[in-house]
């Protein structure tokens, strides 16, 4: 059994927590206050991109040795017309640089909370795309996701996080413009 600590209890954190529990694994919700250390082998940062710096500053040592899941999309929320990381970088790459003792993976950022909760995107099953440089970390997260009834796909190295963030951003733009619903989005088909 795997324990997953989730920092953040909004829609995404709650939906991911239900997937973890559905697979028979243990979920631990903790607040953003660094006084409570995460006990899980996997720590999901279910927070907006601007909160990552605060979490890193307060929890760097607590996150050492753990699989740290970045689900953020570094969107410019003032204009909603661009990402705020360099074109050749990603929020996940920044996080990995700030947490060199952690195994950072990018996942869940191309999923809406509703598609995680329903485990479907239209007629297709929900698939969590996972990018990272540590294969064992990706496999552990994929096992937890699959046990919870959602598909998982290996999206490649952490360098692929920039493409995942672009997909997540585009999906958000479509939803904000009401061209798709928040229960819709991109899906993988075999």
Protein backbone atom coordinates (compact mmCIF):
# COMPACT_ATOMS: atom_id res chain seq x y z
CA UNK A 1 0.00 0.00 0.00
CA UNK A 2 1.24 3.48 -0.90
CA UNK A 3 0.60 6.62 1.13
CA UNK A 4 -0.01 9.78 -0.87
CA UNK A 5 0.23 13.13 0.89
CA UNK A 6 -1.70 15.93 -0.80
CA UNK A 7 -0.87 19.53 -0.07
CA UNK A 8 -3.99 21.46 -1.05
CA UNK A 9 -7.60 20.49 -0.53
CA UNK A 10 -9.31 22.19 -3.45
CA UNK A 11 -11.09 20.45 -6.33
CA UNK A 12 -7.93 18.87 -7.76
CA UNK A 13 -6.62 17.66 -4.41
CA UNK A 14 -9.99 16.20 -3.51
CA UNK A 15 -10.39 14.43 -6.87
CA UNK A 16 -6.88 12.97 -6.67
CA UNK A 17 -7.52 11.88 -3.08
CA UNK A 18 -10.62 9.96 -4.16
CA UNK A 19 -8.60 8.16 -6.86
CA UNK A 20 -5.92 7.24 -4.31
CA UNK A 21 -8.53 5.87 -1.89
CA UNK A 22 -10.42 4.03 -4.66
CA UNK A 23 -7.24 2.07 -5.36
CA UNK A 24 -6.92 0.95 -1.76
CA UNK A 25 -4.06 3.30 -1.02
CA UNK A 26 -3.85 5.81 1.82
CA UNK A 27 -4.36 9.54 1.34
CA UNK A 28 -3.18 12.21 3.75
CA UNK A 29 -4.38 15.79 3.28
CA UNK A 30 -2.17 18.41 4.81
CA UNK A 31 -2.38 22.16 4.78
CA UNK A 32 0.12 24.56 3.32
CA UNK A 33 1.48 25.29 6.81
CA UNK A 34 4.89 23.60 6.90
CA UNK A 35 4.48 22.50 10.53
CA UNK A 36 2.83 19.24 9.40
CA UNK A 37 5.33 17.09 7.51
CA UNK A 38 4.02 14.82 4.74
CA UNK A 39 4.42 11.12 5.53
CA UNK A 40 3.61 9.77 2.05
CA UNK A 41 6.08 8.29 -0.39
CA UNK A 42 4.29 10.47 -2.95
CA UNK A 43 3.53 14.14 -2.26
CA UNK A 44 1.10 15.86 -4.63
CA UNK A 45 1.34 19.64 -4.73
CA UNK A 46 -2.31 20.43 -5.51
CA UNK A 47 -1.78 24.18 -5.36
CA UNK A 48 -1.57 27.02 -7.89
CA UNK A 49 1.81 27.71 -9.47
CA UNK A 50 2.54 30.85 -7.37
CA UNK A 51 2.38 28.72 -4.18
CA UNK A 52 5.28 26.48 -5.23
CA UNK A 53 7.97 28.92 -4.04
CA UNK A 54 6.45 29.07 -0.54
CA UNK A 55 6.17 25.27 -0.37
CA UNK A 56 9.78 24.81 -1.48
CA UNK A 57 11.01 27.37 1.05
CA UNK A 58 9.14 25.76 3.92
CA UNK A 59 9.34 22.08 3.03
CA UNK A 60 12.57 21.41 1.11
CA UNK A 61 13.91 19.04 3.76
CA UNK A 62 10.50 17.37 4.30
CA UNK A 63 10.29 16.59 0.57
CA UNK A 64 13.79 15.10 0.25
CA UNK A 65 13.67 11.51 -1.00
CA UNK A 66 9.99 11.70 -1.90
CA UNK A 67 8.20 11.58 -5.25
CA UNK A 68 6.91 15.14 -5.63
CA UNK A 69 4.08 15.61 -8.13
CA UNK A 70 3.71 19.02 -9.75
CA UNK A 71 0.27 19.53 -11.26
CA UNK A 72 0.54 23.26 -11.81
CA UNK A 73 0.01 25.14 -15.03
CA UNK A 74 2.10 28.32 -14.79
CA UNK A 75 -0.52 30.56 -16.39
CA UNK A 76 -0.43 34.35 -16.33
CA UNK A 77 -3.75 34.70 -14.53
CA UNK A 78 -3.74 38.51 -14.98
CA UNK A 79 -3.98 38.26 -18.76
CA UNK A 80 -4.69 34.56 -19.28
CA UNK A 81 -2.75 34.74 -22.54
CA UNK A 82 0.59 33.08 -21.78
CA UNK A 83 2.63 30.87 -19.53
CA UNK A 84 4.99 32.63 -17.11
CA UNK A 85 7.96 30.29 -17.47
CA UNK A 86 10.57 30.49 -20.25
CA UNK A 87 9.54 28.86 -23.53
CA UNK A 88 12.23 26.21 -23.13
CA UNK A 89 11.39 25.50 -19.48
CA UNK A 90 8.52 24.48 -17.23
CA UNK A 91 7.22 24.85 -13.71
CA UNK A 92 8.23 21.24 -13.12
CA UNK A 93 11.81 21.90 -14.23
CA UNK A 94 11.99 24.88 -11.87
CA UNK A 95 10.63 22.72 -9.07
CA UNK A 96 13.14 19.93 -9.78
CA UNK A 97 15.99 22.44 -9.66
CA UNK A 98 14.69 23.81 -6.33
CA UNK A 99 14.23 20.28 -4.89
CA UNK A 100 17.36 18.37 -6.01
CA UNK A 101 16.86 15.69 -3.33
CA UNK A 102 13.29 14.92 -4.52
CA UNK A 103 12.04 12.93 -7.49
CA UNK A 104 9.88 15.51 -9.28
CA UNK A 105 7.27 14.36 -11.79
CA UNK A 106 4.69 16.30 -13.77
CA UNK A 107 1.18 14.82 -13.73
CA UNK A 108 -2.51 15.72 -13.51
CA UNK A 109 -2.03 19.15 -15.11
CA UNK A 110 -3.75 18.08 -18.33
CA UNK A 111 -6.77 16.82 -16.39
CA UNK A 112 -9.64 18.82 -14.96
CA UNK A 113 -10.90 17.87 -11.50
CA UNK A 114 -14.23 16.81 -13.00
CA UNK A 115 -12.59 14.38 -15.42
CA UNK A 116 -10.59 12.86 -12.58
CA UNK A 117 -13.75 12.53 -10.47
CA UNK A 118 -15.83 11.00 -13.27
CA UNK A 119 -12.86 9.01 -14.65
CA UNK A 120 -14.03 9.98 -18.14
CA UNK A 121 -13.49 12.68 -20.75
CA UNK A 122 -16.62 12.43 -22.84
CA UNK A 123 -16.73 8.80 -23.98
CA UNK A 124 -13.02 8.21 -23.35
CA UNK A 125 -11.45 7.11 -20.07
CA UNK A 126 -9.43 9.73 -18.21
CA UNK A 127 -5.68 9.34 -18.74
CA UNK A 128 -3.09 10.94 -16.48
CA UNK A 129 0.05 11.88 -18.42
CA UNK A 130 3.20 11.51 -16.32
CA UNK A 131 6.59 13.02 -17.19
CA UNK A 132 9.76 12.65 -15.14
CA UNK A 133 13.37 11.59 -15.12
CA UNK A 134 13.04 8.89 -12.44
CA UNK A 135 11.36 5.81 -13.93
CA UNK A 136 10.61 4.23 -10.55
CA UNK A 137 8.88 7.44 -9.41
CA UNK A 138 6.75 7.52 -12.57
CA UNK A 139 5.90 3.83 -12.21
CA UNK A 140 4.87 4.26 -8.56
CA UNK A 141 2.51 7.12 -9.42
CA UNK A 142 1.14 5.24 -12.43
CA UNK A 143 0.41 2.20 -10.24
CA UNK A 144 -1.53 4.37 -7.75
CA UNK A 145 -3.48 6.06 -10.55
CA UNK A 146 -4.33 2.80 -12.32
CA UNK A 147 -5.38 1.13 -9.06
CA UNK A 148 -7.82 4.01 -8.59
CA UNK A 149 -9.51 3.33 -11.93
CA UNK A 150 -7.83 5.92 -14.14
CA UNK A 151 -5.43 5.28 -17.00
CA UNK A 152 -1.82 6.48 -16.91
CA UNK A 153 0.62 7.11 -19.75
CA UNK A 154 4.36 7.73 -19.57
CA UNK A 155 4.87 11.08 -21.35
CA UNK A 156 8.66 10.84 -21.25
CA UNK A 157 11.35 12.75 -19.42
CA UNK A 158 10.78 15.81 -17.26
CA UNK A 159 11.72 17.91 -20.30
CA UNK A 160 8.28 16.95 -21.69
CA UNK A 161 6.65 18.91 -18.86
CA UNK A 162 6.81 22.03 -21.02
CA UNK A 163 4.56 20.39 -23.62
CA UNK A 164 2.22 19.09 -20.92
CA UNK A 165 1.98 22.60 -19.48
CA UNK A 166 1.17 23.99 -22.94
CA UNK A 167 -1.58 21.38 -23.37
CA UNK A 168 -2.95 22.13 -19.91
CA UNK A 169 -2.91 25.87 -20.64
CA UNK A 170 -4.69 25.45 -23.99
CA UNK A 171 -7.33 23.25 -22.39
CA UNK A 172 -7.91 25.89 -19.68
CA UNK A 173 -8.24 28.64 -22.30
CA UNK A 174 -10.87 26.61 -24.16
CA UNK A 175 -12.82 26.04 -20.94
CA UNK A 176 -12.65 29.69 -19.86
CA UNK A 177 -13.91 30.70 -23.32
CA UNK A 178 -16.71 28.13 -22.88
CA UNK A 179 -15.67 26.21 -26.00
CA UNK A 180 -15.41 23.07 -23.87
CA UNK A 181 -16.83 22.31 -20.46
CA UNK A 182 -14.78 21.84 -17.30
CA UNK A 183 -15.87 18.20 -17.47
CA UNK A 184 -14.43 17.87 -20.98
CA UNK A 185 -10.97 18.35 -22.39
CA UNK A 186 -8.33 16.39 -24.20
CA UNK A 187 -8.37 12.60 -24.13
CA UNK A 188 -6.13 9.85 -25.46
CA UNK A 189 -7.59 7.25 -27.80
CA UNK A 190 -5.95 3.97 -28.73
